[in-house]
Amino acid sequence: QVQLVESGGGLVQAGGSLRLSCSTTRTIFSFVAIGWYRQAPGNQRDLVASIMPSAGNSKYADSVKGRFTISMDSASDTVYLQLNKLKPEDTGIYSCNAKTLDVSYWGQGTQVTVSS
């Protein structure tokens, strides 16, 4: 059973930074893609950033380009999301998702709150 464990959320002022971590119980190279999703209150869950571990390719939602960076550490099977220049609209629950060809796994989520 694959487990994803997120950490690093918290309360930060606008303009501040946070780093989120997503640790997996399986080598990250066993996944086709690993992504971070955000769900704000009353909204659907949207993709913020994703990475393809084997190729190293990454992509971002337009709203976070230039501010967020997704990266990975294969030695610890961890995917990070660096959040810089945070805005109040970045507030939400950030969840890690890992996909194989057949299955999609989710972490429990971590809360990010940005105050103005």
C-alpha atoms as a PDB file:
ATOM      1  CA  GLN A   1       0.000   0.000   0.000  1.00  0.00           C
ATOM      2  CA  VAL A   2       1.452   3.335  -1.069  1.00  0.00           C
ATOM      3  CA  GLN A   3       1.328   6.176   1.417  1.00  0.00           C
ATOM      4  CA  LEU A   4       1.932   9.845   0.752  1.00  0.00           C
ATOM      5  CA  VAL A   5       2.657  12.077   3.728  1.00  0.00           C
ATOM      6  CA  GLU A   6       2.618  15.845   3.352  1.00  0.00           C
ATOM      7  CA  SER A   7       4.117  18.366   5.718  1.00  0.00           C
ATOM      8  CA  GLY A   8       5.216  21.976   5.805  1.00  0.00           C
ATOM      9  CA  GLY A   9       1.960  23.881   5.769  1.00  0.00           C
ATOM     10  CA  GLY A  10       1.184  26.722   8.124  1.00  0.00           C
ATOM     11  CA  LEU A  11       0.197  30.331   8.552  1.00  0.00           C
ATOM     12  CA  VAL A  12       2.272  32.950   6.777  1.00  0.00           C
ATOM     13  CA  GLN A  13       1.912  36.608   5.888  1.00  0.00           C
ATOM     14  CA  ALA A  14       1.487  37.726   2.313  1.00  0.00           C
ATOM     15  CA  GLY A  15       4.847  37.869   0.593  1.00  0.00           C
ATOM     16  CA  GLY A  16       6.240  35.078   2.732  1.00  0.00           C
ATOM     17  CA  SER A  17       7.433  31.591   1.843  1.00  0.00           C
ATOM     18  CA  LEU A  18       6.771  27.989   2.772  1.00  0.00           C
ATOM     19  CA  ARG A  19       8.152  24.662   1.625  1.00  0.00           C
ATOM     20  CA  LEU A  20       5.836  21.682   1.416  1.00  0.00           C
ATOM     21  CA  SER A  21       7.095  18.110   1.439  1.00  0.00           C
ATOM     22  CA  CYS A  22       5.472  14.937   0.130  1.00  0.00           C
ATOM     23  CA  SER A  23       7.176  11.742   1.208  1.00  0.00           C
ATOM     24  CA  THR A  24       6.272   8.451  -0.474  1.00  0.00           C
ATOM     25  CA  THR A  25       6.636   4.843   0.673  1.00  0.00           C
ATOM     26  CA  ARG A  26       7.632   3.793  -2.843  1.00  0.00           C
ATOM     27  CA  THR A  27      10.439   5.012  -5.039  1.00  0.00           C
ATOM     28  CA  ILE A  28       9.300   8.141  -6.835  1.00  0.00           C
ATOM     29  CA  PHE A  29      10.466   6.633 -10.134  1.00  0.00           C
ATOM     30  CA  SER A  30       7.611   4.128  -9.908  1.00  0.00           C
ATOM     31  CA  PHE A  31       5.176   6.968 -10.553  1.00  0.00           C
ATOM     32  CA  VAL A  32       4.378   8.498 -13.921  1.00  0.00           C
ATOM     33  CA  ALA A  33       3.706  11.878 -12.354  1.00  0.00           C
ATOM     34  CA  ILE A  34       3.553  13.470  -8.920  1.00  0.00           C
ATOM     35  CA  GLY A  35       1.605  16.653  -8.399  1.00  0.00           C
ATOM     36  CA  TRP A  36       0.466  19.162  -5.850  1.00  0.00           C
ATOM     37  CA  TYR A  37      -3.185  20.193  -5.812  1.00  0.00           C
ATOM     38  CA  ARG A  38      -4.839  23.051  -3.970  1.00  0.00           C
ATOM     39  CA  GLN A  39      -8.399  23.266  -2.718  1.00  0.00           C
ATOM     40  CA  ALA A  40      -9.641  26.588  -1.404  1.00  0.00           C
ATOM     41  CA  PRO A  41     -12.851  26.743   0.661  1.00  0.00           C
ATOM     42  CA  GLY A  42     -15.862  26.305  -1.599  1.00  0.00           C
ATOM     43  CA  ASN A  43     -13.721  25.574  -4.639  1.00  0.00           C
ATOM     44  CA  GLN A  44     -12.722  22.464  -6.515  1.00  0.00           C
ATOM     45  CA  ARG A  45      -9.305  20.934  -6.169  1.00  0.00           C
ATOM     46  CA  ASP A  46      -6.971  22.300  -8.833  1.00  0.00           C
ATOM     47  CA  LEU A  47      -3.541  21.238 -10.002  1.00  0.00           C
ATOM     48  CA  VAL A  48      -0.846  23.674  -8.899  1.00  0.00           C
ATOM     49  CA  ALA A  49       2.310  21.935 -10.102  1.00  0.00           C
ATOM     50  CA  SER A  50       3.438  18.522 -11.235  1.00  0.00           C
ATOM     51  CA  ILE A  51       6.612  16.680 -12.090  1.00  0.00           C
ATOM     52  CA  MET A  52       7.399  13.559 -14.083  1.00  0.00           C
ATOM     53  CA  PRO A  53      10.125  11.856 -12.049  1.00  0.00           C
ATOM     54  CA  SER A  54      11.752   9.883 -14.860  1.00  0.00           C
ATOM     55  CA  ALA A  55      11.967  12.796 -17.283  1.00  0.00           C
ATOM     56  CA  GLY A  56      12.265  15.589 -14.751  1.00  0.00           C
ATOM     57  CA  ASN A  57       9.686  17.646 -16.621  1.00  0.00           C
ATOM     58  CA  SER A  58       7.531  19.973 -14.560  1.00  0.00           C
ATOM     59  CA  LYS A  59       4.537  22.181 -15.213  1.00  0.00           C
ATOM     60  CA  TYR A  60       2.689  24.858 -13.298  1.00  0.00           C
ATOM     61  CA  ALA A  61      -0.671  26.524 -13.116  1.00  0.00           C
ATOM     62  CA  ASP A  62      -0.530  30.032 -14.592  1.00  0.00           C
ATOM     63  CA  SER A  63      -1.426  31.535 -11.217  1.00  0.00           C
ATOM     64  CA  VAL A  64       1.772  30.236  -9.587  1.00  0.00           C
ATOM     65  CA  LYS A  65       4.335  30.446 -12.387  1.00  0.00           C
ATOM     66  CA  GLY A  66       7.426  32.308 -11.245  1.00  0.00           C
ATOM     67  CA  ARG A  67       6.474  31.940  -7.567  1.00  0.00           C
ATOM     68  CA  PHE A  68       6.258  28.188  -6.904  1.00  0.00           C
ATOM     69  CA  THR A  69       8.859  25.554  -7.691  1.00  0.00           C
ATOM     70  CA  ILE A  70       8.382  21.795  -7.643  1.00  0.00           C
ATOM     71  CA  SER A  71      11.412  19.569  -7.114  1.00  0.00           C
ATOM     72  CA  MET A  72      12.260  16.069  -6.020  1.00  0.00           C
ATOM     73  CA  ASP A  73      14.875  14.181  -4.024  1.00  0.00           C
ATOM     74  CA  SER A  74      15.161  10.599  -5.213  1.00  0.00           C
ATOM     75  CA  ALA A  75      17.361   9.613  -2.273  1.00  0.00           C
ATOM     76  CA  SER A  76      14.538  10.272   0.168  1.00  0.00           C
ATOM     77  CA  ASP A  77      11.634   9.689  -2.248  1.00  0.00           C
ATOM     78  CA  THR A  78      10.311  13.133  -1.491  1.00  0.00           C
ATOM     79  CA  VAL A  79       8.739  15.777  -3.701  1.00  0.00           C
ATOM     80  CA  TYR A  80       8.863  19.391  -2.585  1.00  0.00           C
ATOM     81  CA  LEU A  81       6.843  22.455  -3.423  1.00  0.00           C
ATOM     82  CA  GLN A  82       8.558  25.752  -2.657  1.00  0.00           C
ATOM     83  CA  LEU A  83       6.017  28.532  -2.283  1.00  0.00           C
ATOM     84  CA  ASN A  84       7.391  32.080  -2.574  1.00  0.00           C
ATOM     85  CA  LYS A  85       5.731  35.491  -2.733  1.00  0.00           C
ATOM     86  CA  LEU A  86       2.608  34.001  -1.239  1.00  0.00           C
ATOM     87  CA  LYS A  87      -0.722  35.740  -1.733  1.00  0.00           C
ATOM     88  CA  PRO A  88      -3.960  35.419   0.254  1.00  0.00           C
ATOM     89  CA  GLU A  89      -5.516  33.631  -2.720  1.00  0.00           C
ATOM     90  CA  ASP A  90      -2.940  30.859  -2.300  1.00  0.00           C
ATOM     91  CA  THR A  91      -4.764  29.801   0.863  1.00  0.00           C
ATOM     92  CA  GLY A  92      -6.103  26.263   0.815  1.00  0.00           C
ATOM     93  CA  ILE A  93      -5.431  22.633   1.508  1.00  0.00           C
ATOM     94  CA  TYR A  94      -2.471  21.401  -0.510  1.00  0.00           C
ATOM     95  CA  SER A  95      -2.549  17.710  -1.344  1.00  0.00           C
ATOM     96  CA  CYS A  96       0.038  15.499  -2.952  1.00  0.00           C
ATOM     97  CA  ASN A  97      -1.016  13.088  -5.697  1.00  0.00           C
ATOM     98  CA  ALA A  98       1.028  10.313  -7.262  1.00  0.00           C
ATOM     99  CA  LYS A  99      -0.095   8.473 -10.390  1.00  0.00           C
ATOM    100  CA  THR A 100       0.926   5.189 -11.899  1.00  0.00           C
ATOM    101  CA  LEU A 101      -0.607   3.914 -15.147  1.00  0.00           C
ATOM    102  CA  ASP A 102      -3.397   2.284 -13.131  1.00  0.00           C
ATOM    103  CA  VAL A 103      -3.804   3.981  -9.789  1.00  0.00           C
ATOM    104  CA  SER A 104      -3.898   7.462  -8.299  1.00  0.00           C
ATOM    105  CA  TYR A 105      -2.780   7.959  -4.703  1.00  0.00           C
ATOM    106  CA  TRP A 106      -3.522  10.913  -2.444  1.00  0.00           C
ATOM    107  CA  GLY A 107      -2.013  12.238   0.733  1.00  0.00           C
ATOM    108  CA  GLN A 108      -4.040  13.656   3.589  1.00  0.00           C
ATOM    109  CA  GLY A 109      -3.278  17.275   2.732  1.00  0.00           C
ATOM    110  CA  THR A 110      -1.650  20.149   4.555  1.00  0.00           C
ATOM    111  CA  GLN A 111      -3.221  23.536   5.253  1.00  0.00           C
ATOM    112  CA  VAL A 112      -1.634  26.716   3.934  1.00  0.00           C
ATOM    113  CA  THR A 113      -3.090  29.991   5.158  1.00  0.00           C
ATOM    114  CA  VAL A 114      -1.815  33.322   3.847  1.00  0.00           C
ATOM    115  CA  SER A 115      -2.865  36.419   5.756  1.00  0.00           C
ATOM    116  CA  SER A 116      -3.048  39.843   4.153  1.00  0.00           C
END
